[in-house]
C-alpha atoms as a PDB file:
ATOM      1  CA  MET A   1       0.103   0.158   0.084  1.00  0.00           C
ATOM      2  CA  SER A   2       1.414   3.348  -0.822  1.00  0.00           C
ATOM      3  CA  LYS A   3       1.534   5.875   1.744  1.00  0.00           C
ATOM      4  CA  GLN A   4      -1.288   8.386   1.285  1.00  0.00           C
ATOM      5  CA  ILE A   5      -0.831  11.857   2.625  1.00  0.00           C
ATOM      6  CA  TRP A   6      -3.586  14.372   3.175  1.00  0.00           C
ATOM      7  CA  LYS A   7      -3.733  18.008   4.015  1.00  0.00           C
ATOM      8  CA  ILE A   8      -6.657  19.007   5.815  1.00  0.00           C
ATOM      9  CA  TRP A   9      -7.906  22.106   7.595  1.00  0.00           C
ATOM     10  CA  LEU A  10     -11.196  23.925   8.905  1.00  0.00           C
ATOM     11  CA  ASP A  11     -12.586  26.885   7.944  1.00  0.00           C
ATOM     12  CA  PRO A  12     -14.431  27.817  11.050  1.00  0.00           C
ATOM     13  CA  ASN A  13     -16.527  30.864   9.750  1.00  0.00           C
ATOM     14  CA  THR A  14     -18.497  28.500   7.278  1.00  0.00           C
ATOM     15  CA  ASN A  15     -17.868  25.255   9.181  1.00  0.00           C
ATOM     16  CA  THR A  16     -16.287  23.679   5.973  1.00  0.00           C
ATOM     17  CA  LEU A  17     -13.645  21.003   5.954  1.00  0.00           C
ATOM     18  CA  ILE A  18     -11.385  20.959   3.526  1.00  0.00           C
ATOM     19  CA  CYS A  19      -9.265  18.296   2.319  1.00  0.00           C
ATOM     20  CA  TYR A  20      -6.965  17.333  -0.658  1.00  0.00           C
ATOM     21  CA  ARG A  21      -4.283  14.831  -1.517  1.00  0.00           C
ATOM     22  CA  ILE A  22      -0.746  15.690  -1.772  1.00  0.00           C
ATOM     23  CA  ASP A  23       2.045  13.604  -3.135  1.00  0.00           C
ATOM     24  CA  ALA A  24       5.564  13.014  -1.970  1.00  0.00           C
ATOM     25  CA  ASN A  25       6.917  16.529  -3.074  1.00  0.00           C
ATOM     26  CA  GLY A  26       4.079  18.377  -1.358  1.00  0.00           C
ATOM     27  CA  GLU A  27       2.096  19.204  -4.356  1.00  0.00           C
ATOM     28  CA  ARG A  28      -1.529  18.934  -4.740  1.00  0.00           C
ATOM     29  CA  ARG A  29      -3.041  15.933  -6.395  1.00  0.00           C
ATOM     30  CA  GLY A  30      -6.502  16.195  -7.646  1.00  0.00           C
ATOM     31  CA  LYS A  31      -9.048  18.632  -6.705  1.00  0.00           C
ATOM     32  CA  LYS A  32      -9.815  20.173  -3.143  1.00  0.00           C
ATOM     33  CA  THR A  33     -13.025  18.742  -1.181  1.00  0.00           C
ATOM     34  CA  TYR A  34     -15.164  21.335   0.696  1.00  0.00           C
ATOM     35  CA  TRP A  35     -17.082  19.481   3.082  1.00  0.00           C
ATOM     36  CA  GLN A  36     -19.805  21.418   4.865  1.00  0.00           C
ATOM     37  CA  ILE A  37     -20.201  19.737   8.624  1.00  0.00           C
ATOM     38  CA  GLN A  38     -23.877  18.160   8.951  1.00  0.00           C
ATOM     39  CA  LYS A  39     -25.463  16.587  11.654  1.00  0.00           C
ATOM     40  CA  SER A  40     -24.944  12.950  10.570  1.00  0.00           C
ATOM     41  CA  GLY A  41     -21.067  13.242  11.434  1.00  0.00           C
ATOM     42  CA  TYR A  42     -20.284  11.682   8.022  1.00  0.00           C
ATOM     43  CA  LEU A  43     -16.510  12.522   6.448  1.00  0.00           C
ATOM     44  CA  PRO A  44     -15.395  12.897   2.814  1.00  0.00           C
ATOM     45  CA  LYS A  45     -15.228   9.601   1.047  1.00  0.00           C
ATOM     46  CA  GLY A  46     -11.367   9.746   0.460  1.00  0.00           C
ATOM     47  CA  LEU A  47     -10.864  10.644   4.255  1.00  0.00           C
ATOM     48  CA  PHE A  48     -12.985   7.923   5.496  1.00  0.00           C
ATOM     49  CA  PHE A  49     -11.280   5.360   3.193  1.00  0.00           C
ATOM     50  CA  LEU A  50      -7.559   6.495   4.344  1.00  0.00           C
ATOM     51  CA  ILE A  51      -8.991   5.733   8.002  1.00  0.00           C
ATOM     52  CA  LYS A  52     -10.495   2.668   7.122  1.00  0.00           C
ATOM     53  CA  GLY A  53      -7.131   1.337   5.048  1.00  0.00           C
ATOM     54  CA  TYR A  54      -4.792   2.204   8.053  1.00  0.00           C
ATOM     55  CA  VAL A  55      -6.770   0.474  10.685  1.00  0.00           C
ATOM     56  CA  GLN A  56      -7.501  -2.331   7.898  1.00  0.00           C
ATOM     57  CA  ARG A  57      -3.956  -3.020   7.455  1.00  0.00           C
ATOM     58  CA  ARG A  58      -2.958  -2.960  11.367  1.00  0.00           C
ATOM     59  CA  VAL A  59      -5.720  -5.477  12.292  1.00  0.00           C
ATOM     60  CA  LYS A  60      -4.786  -7.744   9.340  1.00  0.00           C
ATOM     61  CA  ASP A  61      -1.433  -7.730  10.602  1.00  0.00           C
ATOM     62  CA  ALA A  62      -2.556  -8.810  14.107  1.00  0.00           C
ATOM     63  CA  GLU A  63      -1.792 -12.434  14.537  1.00  0.00           C
ATOM     64  CA  LYS A  64      -4.212 -13.052  17.779  1.00  0.00           C
ATOM     65  CA  ARG A  65      -7.971 -12.852  17.635  1.00  0.00           C
ATOM     66  CA  GLY A  66     -10.569 -11.104  20.184  1.00  0.00           C
ATOM     67  CA  PHE A  67     -11.188  -7.543  21.353  1.00  0.00           C
ATOM     68  CA  LYS A  68      -7.819  -7.247  23.587  1.00  0.00           C
ATOM     69  CA  ALA A  69      -6.030  -8.531  20.635  1.00  0.00           C
ATOM     70  CA  PHE A  70      -7.412  -5.791  18.284  1.00  0.00           C
ATOM     71  CA  TRP A  71      -7.612  -2.857  20.591  1.00  0.00           C
ATOM     72  CA  LYS A  72      -3.859  -2.036  20.054  1.00  0.00           C
ATOM     73  CA  PRO A  73      -3.598  -2.476  16.400  1.00  0.00           C
ATOM     74  CA  VAL A  74      -7.040  -0.604  15.652  1.00  0.00           C
ATOM     75  CA  PHE A  75      -5.533   2.295  17.939  1.00  0.00           C
ATOM     76  CA  ARG A  76      -2.219   2.108  16.081  1.00  0.00           C
ATOM     77  CA  GLY A  77      -3.955   2.339  12.712  1.00  0.00           C
ATOM     78  CA  LEU A  78      -5.878   5.399  14.030  1.00  0.00           C
ATOM     79  CA  CYS A  79      -2.545   7.126  15.131  1.00  0.00           C
ATOM     80  CA  GLU A  80      -1.031   6.529  11.710  1.00  0.00           C
ATOM     81  CA  ALA A  81      -3.863   7.999   9.553  1.00  0.00           C
ATOM     82  CA  ALA A  82      -4.066  10.929  11.663  1.00  0.00           C
ATOM     83  CA  GLU A  83      -0.174  11.411  10.934  1.00  0.00           C
ATOM     84  CA  ALA A  84      -0.799  11.032   7.466  1.00  0.00           C
ATOM     85  CA  CYS A  85      -3.383  13.863   7.562  1.00  0.00           C
ATOM     86  CA  GLY A  86      -1.050  16.545   9.494  1.00  0.00           C
ATOM     87  CA  CYS A  87      -2.989  16.084  12.643  1.00  0.00           C
ATOM     88  CA  GLU A  88      -1.741  15.745  16.601  1.00  0.00           C
ATOM     89  CA  ILE A  89      -2.835  12.788  18.125  1.00  0.00           C
ATOM     90  CA  LYS A  90      -3.988  12.602  22.057  1.00  0.00           C
ATOM     91  CA  GLY A  91      -5.060   9.867  23.792  1.00  0.00           C
ATOM     92  CA  GLY A  92      -6.542   8.595  26.789  1.00  0.00           C
ATOM     93  CA  ILE A  93      -9.196  11.505  26.970  1.00  0.00           C
ATOM     94  CA  ALA A  94     -11.849  11.263  29.212  1.00  0.00           C
ATOM     95  CA  ASN A  95     -14.403  11.012  26.898  1.00  0.00           C
ATOM     96  CA  ALA A  96     -12.470   9.079  24.128  1.00  0.00           C
ATOM     97  CA  ASP A  97      -9.749   6.722  23.142  1.00  0.00           C
ATOM     98  CA  LEU A  98      -8.026   8.729  20.950  1.00  0.00           C
ATOM     99  CA  VAL A  99      -8.619  12.506  19.245  1.00  0.00           C
ATOM    100  CA  TRP A 100      -7.493  14.338  16.467  1.00  0.00           C
ATOM    101  CA  LYS A 101      -6.364  17.558  17.220  1.00  0.00           C
ATOM    102  CA  LEU A 102      -5.958  19.969  13.947  1.00  0.00           C
ATOM    103  CA  LEU A 103      -4.397  23.290  14.640  1.00  0.00           C
ATOM    104  CA  GLY A 104      -5.569  23.120  18.670  1.00  0.00           C
ATOM    105  CA  VAL A 105      -9.177  22.154  17.626  1.00  0.00           C
ATOM    106  CA  ARG A 106     -10.288  18.629  18.400  1.00  0.00           C
ATOM    107  CA  LEU A 107     -11.483  17.429  15.197  1.00  0.00           C
ATOM    108  CA  ILE A 108     -12.346  13.834  15.548  1.00  0.00           C
ATOM    109  CA  ALA A 109     -13.135  11.645  18.758  1.00  0.00           C
ATOM    110  CA  PHE A 110     -12.646   7.746  18.422  1.00  0.00           C
ATOM    111  CA  GLN A 111     -14.231   5.352  20.774  1.00  0.00           C
ATOM    112  CA  ILE A 112     -13.361   1.703  20.503  1.00  0.00           C
ATOM    113  CA  HIS A 113     -15.815  -0.620  21.084  1.00  0.00           C
ATOM    114  CA  GLU A 114     -16.009  -4.434  21.709  1.00  0.00           C
ATOM    115  CA  GLY A 115     -19.007  -6.380  19.493  1.00  0.00           C
ATOM    116  CA  GLU A 116     -21.881  -3.589  20.063  1.00  0.00           C
ATOM    117  CA  LEU A 117     -22.131  -0.094  21.319  1.00  0.00           C
ATOM    118  CA  SER A 118     -21.659   0.773  24.699  1.00  0.00           C
ATOM    119  CA  LYS A 119     -24.830   3.283  25.152  1.00  0.00           C
ATOM    120  CA  SER A 120     -22.761   4.679  28.555  1.00  0.00           C
ATOM    121  CA  ARG A 121     -19.587   5.411  26.680  1.00  0.00           C
ATOM    122  CA  ILE A 122     -21.410   6.776  23.586  1.00  0.00           C
ATOM    123  CA  PHE A 123     -23.148   9.184  25.753  1.00  0.00           C
ATOM    124  CA  LYS A 124     -19.803  10.292  27.261  1.00  0.00           C
ATOM    125  CA  LEU A 125     -18.372  10.386  23.473  1.00  0.00           C
ATOM    126  CA  GLU A 126     -21.255  12.723  22.584  1.00  0.00           C
ATOM    127  CA  ALA A 127     -20.154  15.009  25.054  1.00  0.00           C
ATOM    128  CA  SER A 128     -16.896  15.618  23.743  1.00  0.00           C
ATOM    129  CA  GLU A 129     -15.629  18.800  22.519  1.00  0.00           C
ATOM    130  CA  ALA A 130     -14.590  17.174  19.053  1.00  0.00           C
ATOM    131  CA  ILE A 131     -16.249  18.220  16.047  1.00  0.00           C
ATOM    132  CA  PHE A 132     -16.543  14.566  14.576  1.00  0.00           C
ATOM    133  CA  ARG A 133     -17.166  11.830  16.948  1.00  0.00           C
ATOM    134  CA  TRP A 134     -16.575   8.180  15.984  1.00  0.00           C
ATOM    135  CA  ALA A 135     -17.124   4.422  17.312  1.00  0.00           C
ATOM    136  CA  VAL A 136     -15.171   1.889  15.972  1.00  0.00           C
ATOM    137  CA  LEU A 137     -16.554  -1.592  16.491  1.00  0.00           C
ATOM    138  CA  THR A 138     -14.236  -4.721  16.457  1.00  0.00           C
ATOM    139  CA  LYS A 139     -15.375  -8.306  16.042  1.00  0.00           C
ATOM    140  CA  ASP A 140     -13.721 -11.331  17.134  1.00  0.00           C
ATOM    141  CA  ASN A 141     -13.266 -12.537  13.750  1.00  0.00           C
ATOM    142  CA  GLY A 142     -10.736  -9.370  12.484  1.00  0.00           C
ATOM    143  CA  PHE A 143     -13.779  -7.489  11.237  1.00  0.00           C
ATOM    144  CA  PHE A 144     -14.174  -3.822  12.326  1.00  0.00           C
ATOM    145  CA  GLU A 145     -16.786  -1.459  11.254  1.00  0.00           C
ATOM    146  CA  LEU A 146     -16.558   2.470  11.623  1.00  0.00           C
ATOM    147  CA  ARG A 147     -19.873   4.088  13.035  1.00  0.00           C
ATOM    148  CA  PRO A 148     -20.221   8.183  12.861  1.00  0.00           C
ATOM    149  CA  GLN A 149     -22.321   9.844  15.381  1.00  0.00           C
ATOM    150  CA  LYS A 150     -23.585  13.107  15.859  1.00  0.00           C
ATOM    151  CA  THR A 151     -21.764  16.068  15.151  1.00  0.00           C
ATOM    152  CA  ASN A 152     -20.984  18.780  17.531  1.00  0.00           C
ATOM    153  CA  ARG A 153     -23.718  20.965  17.113  1.00  0.00           C
ATOM    154  CA  LYS A 154     -21.249  24.301  17.586  1.00  0.00           C
ATOM    155  CA  HIS A 155     -19.698  23.292  14.492  1.00  0.00           C
ATOM    156  CA  ARG A 156     -22.607  22.548  12.279  1.00  0.00           C
ATOM    157  CA  ALA A 157     -22.928  24.392   8.822  1.00  0.00           C
END
């Protein structure tokens, strides 16, 4: 898998996430995506597949099965995806397992769940200051699912 690098930033005046791919020389590849932040919490398709690709690669490399064995590879994949986007990583936050920060703003908060969503933990995730909130569900057979939660209402378009 070739390493994809994305440049992302947030326009606070219009509540728009702007992103595009860059090559090894730092030149832009393709068009910019202007993404209006809506209630649904979805991300632009390219950014979603970047996150999914990094996590999928780490989970596939994991030898053991079960939640405890997959938590660390999922966490590591999310960290690598954040670095590819130029985001800072904060772990061990009270309301989330991992938070991506972009220029001091909490961009995405992730919680890693075993099997099904834990309602008490999701309630805490929704209290997070992050703009986007995502739950990652891990399954015993090596599969995982990325589920968007409602966005922070302060940042909706």
